[in-house]
Amino acid sequence: MFIVFAKIEDDKNLSVFVIEKSFGGITIGPEEKKMGFFGWSTCQVFLENVKVPKEQLLGERNKGLKIALNTLNTGRIKLGASCIGVGKKALNHAVSYAKQREQFGKSISDFGAIQDKIARMEAYIFANESAVFRLGNDIDLLRATKEKQGESFSEAKINSLKEFSIESAIVKVYGSEIQDYIVDQAVQIYGGMGFSAESPVEHLYRAIRISRIYEGTNEINRLVIIKEFVKKGMKGELEIFSLFSEILEDLSTPSAAFSEDVIQQYEQFVNNLKSLTILISGVCLQEFMTQLENEQEVSMCISDLLISLYVMESTLLRVKKLQRIDLLDETYHFSLLKIIGFDVFSKVTTTVNELIGAFNSKKEAKAIVAAKSKYLKIPHSNVKEERRNIAKYVLAKESN
């Protein structure tokens, strides 16, 4: 049985059909040899004069793209979620091996360079979980609301997924990219053994490379993020343009100092990131106008700001919820928050510098430069010690 997207006669848009091999005219090509996923059959399918009964139309004529896009949204969320499991598996392998492997008379898990890797891996898994769980919950809540308003379960689900197309693309991009980092670092902790087909991480390394390609490449997903972001802004579904004017007028006012409370510090950090992202998006839209879609380097940078913002806010919301329900381990969870905060700060700094460099002169990008000076600040913390805290926690947990 095959799901086939095709046009009927001279239709402008695609339709979808459920086609069975028994219809005739279907030939299967040879098995494709792949880098990984050997248990997943991949072949070309050739259709020649296949007679398809009209009852095999899936959904409505001309509505195939809608089905395809909503299928992609579902797939992107699931992919982001699957990256959590793969990340945890790679981390468990790496920690177990690091504790067993000895160099210079002691376990390599005692060395700072290894602990740094373990801490980053743990923090990225926590951040990815935070984003995926938040998105899943938001979709479920919206679906339940739509059902109460009279929509069928299927309609409510499809419309809720469509509403969160930006976030779906975000968790796909972030999940697949931090998964790559985690598995790569697991191979590195194994050293030469990591390159051996006998090691469990070698298999993971090959298998996960597809994650940045299927469900839409990460480049395409970044373009989806900015396209949907601008579209929602134009429709007034996202408050971008009115806030842009306010932020632009307020650039000369110094930003407030960070409080002593950790949660409040990172609430301010997230709010600063929101202001920075809105300001930069507005400046770039003014500069490039309708050509922004063709300035893909700029578009993808704005998408990276949105990804960083969503991940940071999701991590903060999770830590706040843990505090609210008395499950907060301050040493562990605050260290995670600070590590993700510092990582986001570093990535956003690089992204903003890239955007400044996309203008002909620093003078043309003066609003972005001013926004960077005002908003791109983070509460100071000793991230080296925070990572050591996390590594000790992970190593102790693995021992138990």
Protein backbone atom coordinates (compact mmCIF):
# COMPACT_ATOMS: atom_id res chain seq x y z
CA MET A 1 0.00 0.00 0.00
CA PHE A 2 1.35 3.45 -0.95
CA ILE A 3 0.38 7.03 -0.12
CA VAL A 4 0.89 8.94 -3.36
CA PHE A 5 0.73 12.70 -3.93
CA ALA A 6 -0.25 13.65 -7.48
CA LYS A 7 -2.29 16.15 -9.51
CA ILE A 8 -5.63 15.30 -11.07
CA GLU A 9 -5.79 16.50 -14.69
CA ASP A 10 -4.87 20.21 -14.75
CA ASP A 11 -5.44 20.90 -11.06
CA LYS A 12 -3.26 23.61 -9.54
CA ASN A 13 -2.67 21.69 -6.31
CA LEU A 14 -1.81 18.14 -5.30
CA SER A 15 -4.28 15.52 -4.15
CA VAL A 16 -3.50 12.35 -2.16
CA PHE A 17 -4.30 8.74 -3.03
CA VAL A 18 -4.09 5.41 -1.24
CA ILE A 19 -2.74 3.07 -3.91
CA GLU A 20 -2.39 -0.70 -3.57
CA LYS A 21 0.16 -2.84 -5.37
CA SER A 22 -2.67 -5.09 -6.59
CA PHE A 23 -3.89 -2.24 -8.86
CA GLY A 24 -1.09 -3.18 -11.27
CA GLY A 25 1.47 -0.98 -13.03
CA ILE A 26 3.62 -0.67 -9.89
CA THR A 27 7.27 -1.75 -9.94
CA ILE A 28 9.60 -1.70 -6.95
CA GLY A 29 13.23 -0.77 -7.53
CA PRO A 30 16.21 -2.45 -5.85
CA GLU A 31 16.93 -1.93 -2.14
CA GLU A 32 18.92 1.24 -1.50
CA LYS A 33 22.16 0.85 0.44
CA LYS A 34 22.33 3.46 3.20
CA MET A 35 24.71 4.81 5.82
CA GLY A 36 22.48 3.56 8.63
CA PHE A 37 18.91 2.34 9.32
CA PHE A 38 19.60 -1.04 7.72
CA GLY A 39 16.31 -2.39 9.07
CA TRP A 40 14.35 0.31 7.24
CA SER A 41 13.54 -0.73 3.67
CA THR A 42 14.14 2.08 1.14
CA CYS A 43 13.34 1.58 -2.55
CA GLN A 44 12.23 3.58 -5.56
CA VAL A 45 8.61 3.02 -6.63
CA PHE A 46 7.69 3.27 -10.32
CA LEU A 47 4.06 3.86 -11.35
CA GLU A 48 3.11 3.28 -14.97
CA ASN A 49 -0.49 3.65 -16.17
CA VAL A 50 -1.84 2.72 -12.75
CA LYS A 51 -5.66 2.73 -12.67
CA VAL A 52 -6.80 4.31 -9.40
CA PRO A 53 -10.49 4.07 -8.35
CA LYS A 54 -11.93 7.42 -7.27
CA GLU A 55 -12.70 5.93 -3.84
CA GLN A 56 -8.94 5.87 -3.21
CA LEU A 57 -8.80 9.67 -2.92
CA LEU A 58 -7.60 10.57 0.58
CA GLY A 59 -9.32 13.68 1.90
CA GLU A 60 -10.46 16.26 -0.64
CA ARG A 61 -9.31 17.02 -4.15
CA ASN A 62 -6.65 19.77 -4.29
CA LYS A 63 -6.04 19.48 -0.51
CA GLY A 64 -2.97 17.25 -0.63
CA LEU A 65 -0.53 19.94 0.45
CA LYS A 66 -2.47 20.53 3.66
CA ILE A 67 -2.24 16.83 4.51
CA ALA A 68 1.47 16.78 3.65
CA LEU A 69 2.28 19.80 5.79
CA ASN A 70 0.36 18.53 8.80
CA THR A 71 2.04 15.14 8.42
CA LEU A 72 5.38 16.97 8.46
CA ASN A 73 4.41 18.88 11.61
CA THR A 74 3.60 15.60 13.36
CA GLY A 75 6.81 14.03 12.10
CA ARG A 76 8.91 16.98 13.24
CA ILE A 77 7.57 16.78 16.80
CA LYS A 78 8.12 13.01 16.90
CA LEU A 79 11.64 13.44 15.57
CA GLY A 80 12.43 16.02 18.26
CA ALA A 81 11.11 13.55 20.84
CA SER A 82 13.07 10.60 19.42
CA CYS A 83 16.26 12.67 19.71
CA ILE A 84 15.72 12.74 23.49
CA GLY A 85 15.84 8.94 23.66
CA VAL A 86 18.87 8.66 21.39
CA GLY A 87 20.65 11.37 23.39
CA LYS A 88 19.99 9.54 26.66
CA LYS A 89 21.18 6.26 25.19
CA ALA A 90 24.41 7.84 23.91
CA LEU A 91 25.01 9.57 27.25
CA ASN A 92 24.45 6.34 29.20
CA HIS A 93 26.93 4.50 26.97
CA ALA A 94 29.47 7.31 27.29
CA VAL A 95 29.20 7.57 31.08
CA SER A 96 29.42 3.81 31.54
CA TYR A 97 32.52 3.59 29.34
CA ALA A 98 34.16 6.66 30.93
CA LYS A 99 33.84 5.12 34.38
CA GLN A 100 35.41 1.85 33.24
CA ARG A 101 38.21 3.29 31.09
CA GLU A 102 41.38 4.16 32.98
CA GLN A 103 44.27 6.41 31.99
CA PHE A 104 47.18 7.63 34.14
CA GLY A 105 46.00 5.44 36.98
CA LYS A 106 42.42 6.69 37.26
CA SER A 107 39.03 6.60 35.54
CA ILE A 108 38.74 9.07 32.66
CA SER A 109 35.42 10.19 34.16
CA ASP A 110 37.52 12.00 36.81
CA PHE A 111 39.08 14.31 34.22
CA GLY A 112 37.63 17.79 33.67
CA ALA A 113 37.65 17.47 29.87
CA ILE A 114 35.40 14.39 30.04
CA GLN A 115 33.16 15.86 32.75
CA ASP A 116 32.68 18.96 30.58
CA LYS A 117 31.35 16.78 27.75
CA ILE A 118 29.06 14.80 30.07
CA ALA A 119 27.61 18.00 31.58
CA ARG A 120 26.87 19.56 28.19
CA MET A 121 25.23 16.36 26.97
CA GLU A 122 23.00 16.20 30.06
CA ALA A 123 22.06 19.88 29.78
CA TYR A 124 21.12 19.62 26.10
CA ILE A 125 18.92 16.59 26.78
CA PHE A 126 17.15 18.51 29.55
CA ALA A 127 16.60 21.52 27.26
CA ASN A 128 15.33 19.33 24.41
CA GLU A 129 12.93 17.54 26.76
CA SER A 130 11.69 20.90 28.03
CA ALA A 131 10.92 22.15 24.51
CA VAL A 132 9.28 18.92 23.28
CA PHE A 133 7.14 18.42 26.39
CA ARG A 134 6.05 22.05 26.34
CA LEU A 135 5.03 21.85 22.69
CA GLY A 136 3.20 18.54 23.11
CA ASN A 137 1.26 19.94 26.04
CA ASP A 138 0.39 23.17 24.22
CA ILE A 139 -0.95 21.22 21.23
CA ASP A 140 -3.02 18.95 23.48
CA LEU A 141 -4.51 21.91 25.34
CA LEU A 142 -5.43 23.70 22.10
CA ARG A 143 -6.93 20.51 20.64
CA ALA A 144 -9.10 20.05 23.75
CA THR A 145 -10.28 23.66 23.48
CA LYS A 146 -11.15 23.24 19.79
CA GLU A 147 -13.09 20.06 20.52
CA LYS A 148 -15.14 21.92 23.13
CA GLN A 149 -15.86 24.54 20.46
CA GLY A 150 -17.42 21.86 18.25
CA GLU A 151 -14.58 20.59 16.05
CA SER A 152 -14.16 16.84 15.57
CA PHE A 153 -11.10 15.18 17.10
CA SER A 154 -9.37 14.95 13.69
CA GLU A 155 -10.16 18.56 12.75
CA ALA A 156 -9.04 19.80 16.15
CA LYS A 157 -5.79 17.84 15.95
CA ILE A 158 -4.94 19.03 12.42
CA ASN A 159 -5.77 22.67 13.20
CA SER A 160 -3.79 22.57 16.47
CA LEU A 161 -0.74 21.15 14.71
CA LYS A 162 -0.99 23.86 12.07
CA GLU A 163 -1.12 26.53 14.81
CA PHE A 164 2.22 25.30 16.15
CA SER A 165 4.08 24.84 12.86
CA ILE A 166 6.88 27.19 13.99
CA GLU A 167 7.46 25.33 17.24
CA SER A 168 7.31 21.96 15.42
CA ALA A 169 10.12 23.08 13.12
CA ILE A 170 12.07 24.42 16.11
CA VAL A 171 12.05 21.14 18.05
CA LYS A 172 13.05 19.25 14.88
CA VAL A 173 16.04 21.50 14.22
CA TYR A 174 17.20 21.81 17.81
CA GLY A 175 16.63 18.15 18.66
CA SER A 176 18.49 16.81 15.63
CA GLU A 177 21.43 19.18 16.04
CA ILE A 178 21.98 18.59 19.75
CA GLN A 179 21.53 14.85 19.09
CA ASP A 180 24.41 15.07 16.61
CA TYR A 181 26.55 16.82 19.22
CA ILE A 182 25.71 14.29 21.96
CA VAL A 183 26.39 11.21 19.83
CA ASP A 184 29.57 12.74 18.42
CA GLN A 185 30.84 13.44 21.94
CA ALA A 186 29.94 9.90 23.00
CA VAL A 187 32.16 8.58 20.19
CA GLN A 188 34.90 10.96 21.34
CA ILE A 189 34.70 9.70 24.94
CA TYR A 190 35.08 6.14 23.64
CA GLY A 191 38.20 7.26 21.76
CA GLY A 192 39.53 4.69 19.29
CA MET A 193 36.92 2.18 20.44
CA GLY A 194 34.21 4.60 19.34
CA PHE A 195 35.35 4.14 15.75
CA SER A 196 35.05 0.37 16.02
CA ALA A 197 31.91 -1.30 14.70
CA GLU A 198 31.89 -3.31 17.93
CA SER A 199 31.00 -0.23 20.00
CA PRO A 200 27.33 0.75 20.51
CA VAL A 201 28.01 4.40 19.72
CA GLU A 202 29.40 3.68 16.23
CA HIS A 203 25.98 2.40 15.20
CA LEU A 204 24.25 5.47 16.68
CA TYR A 205 26.67 7.79 14.88
CA ARG A 206 25.67 6.39 11.47
CA ALA A 207 21.98 6.07 12.24
CA ILE A 208 21.31 9.60 13.48
CA ARG A 209 22.90 11.51 10.57
CA ILE A 210 19.61 11.29 8.65
CA SER A 211 17.84 13.31 11.38
CA ARG A 212 19.01 16.66 9.96
CA ILE A 213 17.71 15.66 6.53
CA TYR A 214 14.31 13.96 6.75
CA GLU A 215 11.05 15.68 7.78
CA GLY A 216 12.48 18.59 5.77
CA THR A 217 16.18 19.45 5.96
CA ASN A 218 17.17 21.75 8.81
CA GLU A 219 17.80 24.50 6.26
CA ILE A 220 14.23 24.16 4.95
CA ASN A 221 12.88 24.08 8.51
CA ARG A 222 14.73 27.30 9.35
CA LEU A 223 13.10 28.93 6.33
CA VAL A 224 9.71 27.56 7.43
CA ILE A 225 10.24 29.15 10.86
CA ILE A 226 10.93 32.64 9.50
CA LYS A 227 8.21 32.40 6.81
CA GLU A 228 5.54 31.44 9.36
CA PHE A 229 6.88 34.00 11.85
CA VAL A 230 6.55 36.86 9.35
CA LYS A 231 3.16 35.59 8.13
CA LYS A 232 1.76 35.49 11.67
CA GLY A 233 3.20 38.93 12.34
CA MET A 234 1.51 40.34 9.23
CA LYS A 235 -1.82 38.81 10.30
CA GLY A 236 -1.47 40.21 13.81
CA GLU A 237 -1.39 36.73 15.34
CA LEU A 238 2.02 37.56 16.80
CA GLU A 239 2.65 40.98 18.30
CA ILE A 240 5.79 41.96 16.42
CA PHE A 241 5.40 45.33 14.72
CA SER A 242 3.85 47.34 17.57
CA LEU A 243 6.42 45.98 20.00
CA PHE A 244 9.18 46.73 17.49
CA SER A 245 8.32 50.44 17.55
CA GLU A 246 8.27 50.51 21.36
CA ILE A 247 11.61 48.71 21.66
CA LEU A 248 13.21 50.93 19.02
CA GLU A 249 12.13 54.10 20.85
CA ASP A 250 13.40 52.72 24.17
CA LEU A 251 16.89 51.72 22.97
CA SER A 252 18.60 54.65 24.68
CA THR A 253 17.22 53.68 28.10
CA PRO A 254 19.71 51.53 30.08
CA SER A 255 18.59 48.00 30.87
CA ALA A 256 17.82 47.07 34.47
CA ALA A 257 20.41 45.26 36.57
CA PHE A 258 19.88 41.56 37.26
CA SER A 259 18.38 40.66 40.63
CA GLU A 260 19.98 38.23 43.07
CA ASP A 261 17.24 35.61 42.59
CA VAL A 262 18.23 32.98 39.99
CA ILE A 263 14.72 32.49 38.55
CA GLN A 264 14.18 36.25 38.25
CA GLN A 265 17.60 36.62 36.60
CA TYR A 266 16.69 34.20 33.83
CA GLU A 267 13.19 35.62 33.45
CA GLN A 268 14.88 38.93 32.66
CA PHE A 269 17.35 37.17 30.38
CA VAL A 270 14.46 35.61 28.41
CA ASN A 271 12.61 38.96 28.21
CA ASN A 272 15.79 40.59 26.93
CA LEU A 273 16.10 37.89 24.28
CA LYS A 274 12.50 38.54 23.20
CA SER A 275 13.16 42.27 22.84
CA LEU A 276 16.39 41.60 20.95
CA THR A 277 14.71 39.14 18.57
CA ILE A 278 11.76 41.43 17.84
CA LEU A 279 14.05 44.42 17.26
CA ILE A 280 16.36 42.52 14.93
CA SER A 281 13.45 40.94 13.02
CA GLY A 282 11.89 44.38 12.52
CA VAL A 283 15.16 45.96 11.35
CA CYS A 284 15.79 43.14 8.87
CA LEU A 285 12.21 43.32 7.56
CA GLN A 286 12.60 47.07 7.04
CA GLU A 287 15.94 46.63 5.29
CA PHE A 288 15.10 43.75 3.00
CA MET A 289 11.28 44.03 2.82
CA THR A 290 9.79 41.51 0.36
CA GLN A 291 13.30 40.34 -0.55
CA LEU A 292 13.84 38.84 2.91
CA GLU A 293 12.78 35.44 1.54
CA ASN A 294 15.66 35.64 -0.95
CA GLU A 295 18.14 36.67 1.77
CA GLN A 296 18.29 33.16 3.14
CA GLU A 297 21.42 33.77 5.21
CA VAL A 298 19.59 36.54 7.08
CA SER A 299 16.36 34.52 7.37
CA MET A 300 18.16 31.54 8.88
CA CYS A 301 19.90 33.78 11.41
CA ILE A 302 16.54 35.15 12.59
CA SER A 303 15.29 31.56 12.82
CA ASP A 304 18.29 30.72 14.99
CA LEU A 305 17.33 33.56 17.33
CA LEU A 306 13.79 32.15 17.57
CA ILE A 307 15.12 28.64 18.22
CA SER A 308 17.44 29.88 20.99
CA LEU A 309 14.64 31.91 22.55
CA TYR A 310 12.14 29.03 22.53
CA VAL A 311 14.63 26.57 24.01
CA MET A 312 15.73 29.00 26.71
CA GLU A 313 12.19 29.92 27.68
CA SER A 314 11.13 26.24 27.71
CA THR A 315 14.04 25.38 30.02
CA LEU A 316 13.15 28.24 32.35
CA LEU A 317 9.45 27.30 32.41
CA ARG A 318 10.33 23.73 33.32
CA VAL A 319 12.61 24.81 36.18
CA LYS A 320 9.89 27.18 37.45
CA LYS A 321 7.33 24.36 37.35
CA LEU A 322 9.68 22.03 39.25
CA GLN A 323 10.04 24.75 41.89
CA ARG A 324 6.25 25.21 42.03
CA ILE A 325 5.57 21.51 42.63
CA ASP A 326 8.46 21.10 45.11
CA LEU A 327 10.59 18.88 42.89
CA LEU A 328 13.40 21.39 42.39
CA ASP A 329 16.96 20.31 43.17
CA GLU A 330 18.54 23.77 43.27
CA THR A 331 22.13 22.62 42.77
CA TYR A 332 21.27 20.42 39.80
CA HIS A 333 18.44 22.35 38.12
CA PHE A 334 19.93 25.81 38.59
CA SER A 335 23.21 24.53 37.15
CA LEU A 336 21.30 23.21 34.11
CA LEU A 337 19.54 26.55 33.71
CA LYS A 338 22.84 28.44 33.86
CA ILE A 339 24.58 26.10 31.42
CA ILE A 340 21.78 26.35 28.85
CA GLY A 341 21.64 30.11 29.45
CA PHE A 342 25.35 30.48 28.74
CA ASP A 343 25.10 28.27 25.65
CA VAL A 344 22.16 30.31 24.32
CA PHE A 345 24.01 33.55 25.11
CA SER A 346 27.05 32.35 23.16
CA LYS A 347 24.99 31.22 20.15
CA VAL A 348 22.91 34.41 20.07
CA THR A 349 26.08 36.53 20.25
CA THR A 350 27.48 34.75 17.18
CA THR A 351 24.14 35.02 15.34
CA VAL A 352 23.78 38.75 16.06
CA ASN A 353 27.34 39.36 14.85
CA GLU A 354 26.49 37.49 11.64
CA LEU A 355 23.45 39.73 11.15
CA ILE A 356 25.44 42.89 11.77
CA GLY A 357 27.86 41.63 9.12
CA ALA A 358 24.97 41.22 6.66
CA PHE A 359 24.64 45.01 6.32
CA ASN A 360 26.94 47.14 4.17
CA SER A 361 28.22 49.05 7.19
CA LYS A 362 28.00 49.09 10.96
CA LYS A 363 26.18 52.43 10.64
CA GLU A 364 23.35 50.77 8.68
CA ALA A 365 23.04 48.16 11.44
CA LYS A 366 23.23 50.71 14.26
CA ALA A 367 19.87 49.68 15.76
CA ILE A 368 21.04 46.05 15.98
CA VAL A 369 24.36 47.17 17.49
CA ALA A 370 22.49 49.25 20.08
CA ALA A 371 20.11 46.37 20.85
CA LYS A 372 23.04 44.01 21.28
CA SER A 373 24.65 46.40 23.73
CA LYS A 374 21.45 46.80 25.75
CA TYR A 375 19.86 43.36 25.69
CA LEU A 376 22.58 40.79 25.09
CA LYS A 377 23.64 40.36 28.71
CA ILE A 378 23.60 37.33 31.00
CA PRO A 379 23.90 36.97 34.78
CA HIS A 380 27.45 36.00 35.66
CA SER A 381 28.05 32.45 36.84
CA ASN A 382 31.05 30.15 36.95
CA VAL A 383 29.92 27.82 34.16
CA LYS A 384 32.99 25.62 34.65
CA GLU A 385 31.85 24.83 38.20
CA GLU A 386 28.21 24.51 37.09
CA ARG A 387 29.25 21.88 34.54
CA ARG A 388 31.25 20.05 37.19
CA ASN A 389 28.12 20.00 39.39
CA ILE A 390 26.11 18.42 36.58
CA ALA A 391 28.81 15.88 35.74
CA LYS A 392 29.06 14.77 39.37
CA TYR A 393 25.28 14.39 39.51
CA VAL A 394 25.20 12.27 36.31
CA LEU A 395 28.15 10.11 37.36
CA ALA A 396 26.65 9.51 40.80
CA LYS A 397 23.24 8.65 39.28
CA GLU A 398 24.86 6.16 36.89
CA SER A 399 26.59 4.47 39.83
CA ASN A 400 23.22 3.96 41.54
